Amino acid sequence: MVLLILTLGSAGAFLFYAYETLCKAAPRREYERLGMGGFREFVGALQVLGAVGALVGLVFAPVGAVATAGLTLLMLLGLRVRYRLRDTPRLMMPAAMLAAINGILLSLHVF
């Protein structure tokens, strides 16, 4: 049950962020501020693939393990970028929470 709830929450969050990343102006400006404007579409695609992979992982655990590992890494890299720019903890919180949730999901798939 924990696996299902965390997976649905994570996948929903990443699908929402992917939509925002790919379609809205504010994230476009944020990626420019972070110096990563050229990576916006790539990150959005990774978010979609990770979310879909996490959902597939509910049926086929190896796919879920790979997807949640990738999403965890994506969020840890996002945290690194924000840390280097000295962003506030409030701006780092979503990435930190999603990294933690996907780390938990990874452990649930592996063990």
N, C-alpha and C. Protein backbone atom coordinates (compact mmCIF):
# COMPACT_ATOMS: atom_id res chain seq x y z
N MET A 1 0.82 -1.20 0.00
CA MET A 1 0.00 0.00 0.00
C MET A 1 0.86 1.26 0.00
N VAL A 2 1.97 1.23 0.77
CA VAL A 2 2.89 2.38 0.82
C VAL A 2 3.49 2.60 -0.56
N LEU A 3 3.87 1.51 -1.22
CA LEU A 3 4.44 1.60 -2.57
C LEU A 3 3.46 2.28 -3.51
N LEU A 4 2.22 1.88 -3.47
CA LEU A 4 1.19 2.45 -4.35
C LEU A 4 1.01 3.94 -4.09
N ILE A 5 0.86 4.33 -2.84
CA ILE A 5 0.60 5.72 -2.50
C ILE A 5 1.79 6.61 -2.88
N LEU A 6 3.00 6.18 -2.53
CA LEU A 6 4.18 6.98 -2.86
C LEU A 6 4.40 7.06 -4.36
N THR A 7 4.14 5.96 -5.07
CA THR A 7 4.31 5.96 -6.52
C THR A 7 3.32 6.90 -7.18
N LEU A 8 2.06 6.83 -6.78
CA LEU A 8 1.06 7.72 -7.37
C LEU A 8 1.37 9.19 -7.08
N GLY A 9 1.81 9.47 -5.86
CA GLY A 9 2.18 10.84 -5.51
C GLY A 9 3.38 11.33 -6.30
N SER A 10 4.41 10.51 -6.39
CA SER A 10 5.61 10.89 -7.13
C SER A 10 5.31 11.06 -8.61
N ALA A 11 4.65 10.08 -9.20
CA ALA A 11 4.34 10.15 -10.63
C ALA A 11 3.46 11.36 -10.93
N GLY A 12 2.48 11.61 -10.09
CA GLY A 12 1.62 12.78 -10.28
C GLY A 12 2.41 14.08 -10.20
N ALA A 13 3.31 14.18 -9.23
CA ALA A 13 4.13 15.38 -9.09
C ALA A 13 5.03 15.57 -10.30
N PHE A 14 5.66 14.50 -10.76
CA PHE A 14 6.56 14.63 -11.90
C PHE A 14 5.82 14.92 -13.19
N LEU A 15 4.63 14.37 -13.37
CA LEU A 15 3.85 14.71 -14.55
C LEU A 15 3.42 16.18 -14.51
N PHE A 16 3.06 16.66 -13.33
CA PHE A 16 2.71 18.08 -13.18
C PHE A 16 3.92 18.95 -13.49
N TYR A 17 5.08 18.65 -12.89
CA TYR A 17 6.28 19.45 -13.12
C TYR A 17 6.73 19.36 -14.57
N ALA A 18 6.56 18.21 -15.21
CA ALA A 18 6.93 18.08 -16.62
C ALA A 18 6.06 18.98 -17.47
N TYR A 19 4.76 18.99 -17.20
CA TYR A 19 3.86 19.89 -17.93
C TYR A 19 4.29 21.34 -17.73
N GLU A 20 4.53 21.71 -16.49
CA GLU A 20 4.97 23.08 -16.19
C GLU A 20 6.28 23.39 -16.92
N THR A 21 7.23 22.48 -16.83
CA THR A 21 8.56 22.68 -17.42
C THR A 21 8.47 22.87 -18.92
N LEU A 22 7.64 22.08 -19.57
CA LEU A 22 7.58 22.09 -21.03
C LEU A 22 6.64 23.15 -21.60
N CYS A 23 5.64 23.58 -20.82
CA CYS A 23 4.58 24.41 -21.40
C CYS A 23 4.42 25.81 -20.80
N LYS A 24 4.97 26.08 -19.67
CA LYS A 24 4.72 27.35 -18.99
C LYS A 24 5.93 28.28 -19.07
N ALA A 25 5.68 29.58 -18.96
CA ALA A 25 6.74 30.58 -19.08
C ALA A 25 7.59 30.69 -17.81
N ALA A 26 6.98 30.57 -16.64
CA ALA A 26 7.75 30.75 -15.39
C ALA A 26 8.89 29.73 -15.25
N PRO A 27 8.65 28.45 -15.49
CA PRO A 27 9.78 27.52 -15.43
C PRO A 27 10.84 27.80 -16.50
N ARG A 28 10.40 28.30 -17.64
CA ARG A 28 11.36 28.65 -18.70
C ARG A 28 12.32 29.72 -18.17
N ARG A 29 11.77 30.73 -17.49
CA ARG A 29 12.61 31.78 -16.91
C ARG A 29 13.50 31.22 -15.79
N GLU A 30 12.95 30.30 -15.00
CA GLU A 30 13.72 29.71 -13.91
C GLU A 30 14.91 28.90 -14.44
N TYR A 31 14.71 28.14 -15.51
CA TYR A 31 15.80 27.39 -16.11
C TYR A 31 16.87 28.34 -16.64
N GLU A 32 16.45 29.46 -17.20
CA GLU A 32 17.41 30.47 -17.67
C GLU A 32 18.19 31.03 -16.48
N ARG A 33 17.50 31.32 -15.38
CA ARG A 33 18.16 31.85 -14.19
C ARG A 33 19.19 30.85 -13.66
N LEU A 34 18.86 29.57 -13.73
CA LEU A 34 19.76 28.53 -13.26
C LEU A 34 20.91 28.26 -14.23
N GLY A 35 20.84 28.89 -15.40
CA GLY A 35 21.88 28.69 -16.40
C GLY A 35 21.74 27.36 -17.13
N MET A 36 20.50 26.86 -17.18
CA MET A 36 20.27 25.55 -17.78
C MET A 36 19.14 25.60 -18.83
N GLY A 37 19.00 26.75 -19.48
CA GLY A 37 17.92 26.91 -20.45
C GLY A 37 17.93 25.85 -21.55
N GLY A 38 19.10 25.42 -21.97
CA GLY A 38 19.19 24.42 -23.02
C GLY A 38 18.79 23.02 -22.58
N PHE A 39 18.65 22.80 -21.28
CA PHE A 39 18.31 21.48 -20.76
C PHE A 39 16.83 21.34 -20.40
N ARG A 40 16.06 22.40 -20.56
CA ARG A 40 14.67 22.40 -20.09
C ARG A 40 13.85 21.28 -20.74
N GLU A 41 13.91 21.15 -22.04
CA GLU A 41 13.13 20.11 -22.72
C GLU A 41 13.61 18.72 -22.34
N PHE A 42 14.92 18.56 -22.20
CA PHE A 42 15.49 17.28 -21.81
C PHE A 42 15.02 16.87 -20.42
N VAL A 43 15.06 17.82 -19.48
CA VAL A 43 14.62 17.53 -18.12
C VAL A 43 13.12 17.21 -18.10
N GLY A 44 12.33 17.96 -18.86
CA GLY A 44 10.90 17.67 -18.95
C GLY A 44 10.63 16.28 -19.48
N ALA A 45 11.38 15.87 -20.49
CA ALA A 45 11.22 14.52 -21.04
C ALA A 45 11.62 13.47 -20.01
N LEU A 46 12.71 13.71 -19.28
CA LEU A 46 13.12 12.77 -18.24
C LEU A 46 12.06 12.66 -17.14
N GLN A 47 11.42 13.78 -16.82
CA GLN A 47 10.36 13.75 -15.81
C GLN A 47 9.19 12.89 -16.27
N VAL A 48 8.80 13.04 -17.52
CA VAL A 48 7.69 12.22 -18.06
C VAL A 48 8.08 10.75 -18.08
N LEU A 49 9.27 10.44 -18.60
CA LEU A 49 9.71 9.04 -18.66
C LEU A 49 9.83 8.43 -17.27
N GLY A 50 10.34 9.20 -16.31
CA GLY A 50 10.47 8.70 -14.95
C GLY A 50 9.11 8.43 -14.31
N ALA A 51 8.16 9.33 -14.53
CA ALA A 51 6.82 9.15 -13.97
C ALA A 51 6.15 7.92 -14.56
N VAL A 52 6.23 7.77 -15.87
CA VAL A 52 5.63 6.61 -16.52
C VAL A 52 6.33 5.32 -16.06
N GLY A 53 7.64 5.37 -15.97
CA GLY A 53 8.40 4.21 -15.50
C GLY A 53 8.04 3.83 -14.07
N ALA A 54 7.83 4.82 -13.23
CA ALA A 54 7.43 4.54 -11.84
C ALA A 54 6.07 3.85 -11.81
N LEU A 55 5.16 4.31 -12.67
CA LEU A 55 3.83 3.67 -12.73
C LEU A 55 3.93 2.24 -13.28
N VAL A 56 4.75 2.04 -14.29
CA VAL A 56 4.96 0.69 -14.82
C VAL A 56 5.57 -0.19 -13.74
N GLY A 57 6.38 0.40 -12.88
CA GLY A 57 7.02 -0.33 -11.79
C GLY A 57 6.05 -0.94 -10.81
N LEU A 58 4.82 -0.46 -10.80
CA LEU A 58 3.81 -1.09 -9.94
C LEU A 58 3.49 -2.50 -10.42
N VAL A 59 3.73 -2.77 -11.71
CA VAL A 59 3.47 -4.07 -12.28
C VAL A 59 4.76 -4.85 -12.48
N PHE A 60 5.84 -4.15 -12.87
CA PHE A 60 7.12 -4.79 -13.17
C PHE A 60 8.21 -4.04 -12.40
N ALA A 61 8.56 -4.58 -11.25
CA ALA A 61 9.44 -3.90 -10.30
C ALA A 61 10.78 -3.43 -10.87
N PRO A 62 11.46 -4.19 -11.74
CA PRO A 62 12.74 -3.69 -12.25
C PRO A 62 12.63 -2.34 -12.97
N VAL A 63 11.55 -2.13 -13.70
CA VAL A 63 11.35 -0.84 -14.38
C VAL A 63 11.15 0.26 -13.34
N GLY A 64 10.39 -0.05 -12.30
CA GLY A 64 10.19 0.92 -11.23
C GLY A 64 11.48 1.28 -10.53
N ALA A 65 12.34 0.29 -10.33
CA ALA A 65 13.62 0.55 -9.67
C ALA A 65 14.48 1.48 -10.51
N VAL A 66 14.56 1.22 -11.81
CA VAL A 66 15.36 2.08 -12.69
C VAL A 66 14.77 3.49 -12.75
N ALA A 67 13.45 3.57 -12.88
CA ALA A 67 12.80 4.88 -12.98
C ALA A 67 12.98 5.70 -11.71
N THR A 68 12.76 5.08 -10.56
CA THR A 68 12.89 5.83 -9.32
C THR A 68 14.35 6.19 -9.02
N ALA A 69 15.28 5.34 -9.44
CA ALA A 69 16.70 5.68 -9.29
C ALA A 69 17.02 6.91 -10.15
N GLY A 70 16.50 6.92 -11.37
CA GLY A 70 16.72 8.06 -12.26
C GLY A 70 16.11 9.34 -11.73
N LEU A 71 14.89 9.24 -11.20
CA LEU A 71 14.24 10.43 -10.65
C LEU A 71 14.97 10.93 -9.40
N THR A 72 15.46 10.00 -8.59
CA THR A 72 16.24 10.40 -7.41
C THR A 72 17.49 11.16 -7.85
N LEU A 73 18.20 10.62 -8.83
CA LEU A 73 19.40 11.26 -9.33
C LEU A 73 19.08 12.64 -9.93
N LEU A 74 18.00 12.72 -10.68
CA LEU A 74 17.58 13.99 -11.28
C LEU A 74 17.36 15.05 -10.20
N MET A 75 16.70 14.67 -9.13
CA MET A 75 16.43 15.63 -8.05
C MET A 75 17.69 15.99 -7.28
N LEU A 76 18.59 15.02 -7.09
CA LEU A 76 19.85 15.32 -6.40
C LEU A 76 20.70 16.28 -7.24
N LEU A 77 20.70 16.12 -8.55
CA LEU A 77 21.41 17.05 -9.41
C LEU A 77 20.77 18.44 -9.38
N GLY A 78 19.44 18.47 -9.34
CA GLY A 78 18.73 19.75 -9.20
C GLY A 78 19.09 20.45 -7.90
N LEU A 79 19.19 19.67 -6.83
CA LEU A 79 19.59 20.25 -5.54
C LEU A 79 21.01 20.81 -5.61
N ARG A 80 21.88 20.09 -6.30
CA ARG A 80 23.27 20.56 -6.44
C ARG A 80 23.32 21.90 -7.17
N VAL A 81 22.55 22.04 -8.23
CA VAL A 81 22.51 23.30 -8.98
C VAL A 81 22.00 24.42 -8.09
N ARG A 82 20.91 24.16 -7.38
CA ARG A 82 20.35 25.20 -6.50
C ARG A 82 21.30 25.56 -5.36
N TYR A 83 22.00 24.58 -4.82
CA TYR A 83 22.96 24.84 -3.76
C TYR A 83 24.11 25.73 -4.27
N ARG A 84 24.59 25.43 -5.46
CA ARG A 84 25.68 26.23 -6.02
C ARG A 84 25.26 27.68 -6.26
N LEU A 85 23.99 27.90 -6.55
CA LEU A 85 23.49 29.25 -6.76
C LEU A 85 23.03 29.90 -5.45
N ARG A 86 23.19 29.17 -4.36
CA ARG A 86 22.83 29.66 -3.03
C ARG A 86 21.35 30.02 -2.91
N ASP A 87 20.51 29.18 -3.52
CA ASP A 87 19.07 29.35 -3.37
C ASP A 87 18.66 29.07 -1.93
N THR A 88 17.52 29.60 -1.55
CA THR A 88 17.03 29.41 -0.19
C THR A 88 16.54 27.97 0.01
N PRO A 89 16.52 27.51 1.26
CA PRO A 89 15.99 26.16 1.52
C PRO A 89 14.56 25.98 1.02
N ARG A 90 13.76 27.04 1.04
CA ARG A 90 12.39 26.95 0.55
C ARG A 90 12.35 26.56 -0.92
N LEU A 91 13.29 27.07 -1.71
CA LEU A 91 13.35 26.73 -3.13
C LEU A 91 13.89 25.32 -3.36
N MET A 92 14.65 24.81 -2.39
CA MET A 92 15.23 23.48 -2.50
C MET A 92 14.29 22.37 -2.01
N MET A 93 13.29 22.74 -1.25
CA MET A 93 12.43 21.76 -0.59
C MET A 93 11.72 20.80 -1.55
N PRO A 94 11.11 21.25 -2.65
CA PRO A 94 10.44 20.28 -3.53
C PRO A 94 11.39 19.21 -4.07
N ALA A 95 12.57 19.62 -4.50
CA ALA A 95 13.53 18.65 -5.03
C ALA A 95 14.01 17.71 -3.93
N ALA A 96 14.21 18.24 -2.73
CA ALA A 96 14.66 17.40 -1.62
C ALA A 96 13.60 16.37 -1.25
N MET A 97 12.35 16.80 -1.21
CA MET A 97 11.27 15.87 -0.86
C MET A 97 11.09 14.80 -1.94
N LEU A 98 11.14 15.20 -3.20
CA LEU A 98 10.98 14.22 -4.27
C LEU A 98 12.18 13.27 -4.34
N ALA A 99 13.37 13.76 -4.03
CA ALA A 99 14.53 12.87 -3.96
C ALA A 99 14.35 11.84 -2.86
N ALA A 100 13.87 12.29 -1.70
CA ALA A 100 13.66 11.37 -0.58
C ALA A 100 12.57 10.34 -0.91
N ILE A 101 11.46 10.80 -1.45
CA ILE A 101 10.36 9.89 -1.79
C ILE A 101 10.82 8.85 -2.80
N ASN A 102 11.54 9.29 -3.83
CA ASN A 102 11.98 8.33 -4.85
C ASN A 102 13.09 7.44 -4.33
N GLY A 103 13.89 7.91 -3.39
CA GLY A 103 14.85 7.03 -2.73
C GLY A 103 14.16 5.93 -1.95
N ILE A 104 13.08 6.28 -1.28
CA ILE A 104 12.29 5.29 -0.55
C ILE A 104 11.67 4.30 -1.53
N LEU A 105 11.12 4.82 -2.63
CA LEU A 105 10.53 3.94 -3.65
C LEU A 105 11.57 2.99 -4.22
N LEU A 106 12.76 3.50 -4.46
CA LEU A 106 13.84 2.64 -4.96
C LEU A 106 14.11 1.51 -3.99
N SER A 107 14.20 1.82 -2.72
CA SER A 107 14.46 0.77 -1.73
C SER A 107 13.31 -0.23 -1.65
N LEU A 108 12.07 0.24 -1.83
CA LEU A 108 10.93 -0.66 -1.82
C LEU A 108 10.95 -1.60 -3.03
N HIS A 109 11.43 -1.11 -4.17
CA HIS A 109 11.52 -1.96 -5.36
C HIS A 109 12.64 -2.97 -5.25
N VAL A 110 13.73 -2.58 -4.62
CA VAL A 110 14.92 -3.44 -4.57
C VAL A 110 14.81 -4.48 -3.45
N PHE A 111 14.27 -4.08 -2.31
CA PHE A 111 14.25 -5.01 -1.17
C PHE A 111 12.91 -5.61 -1.01
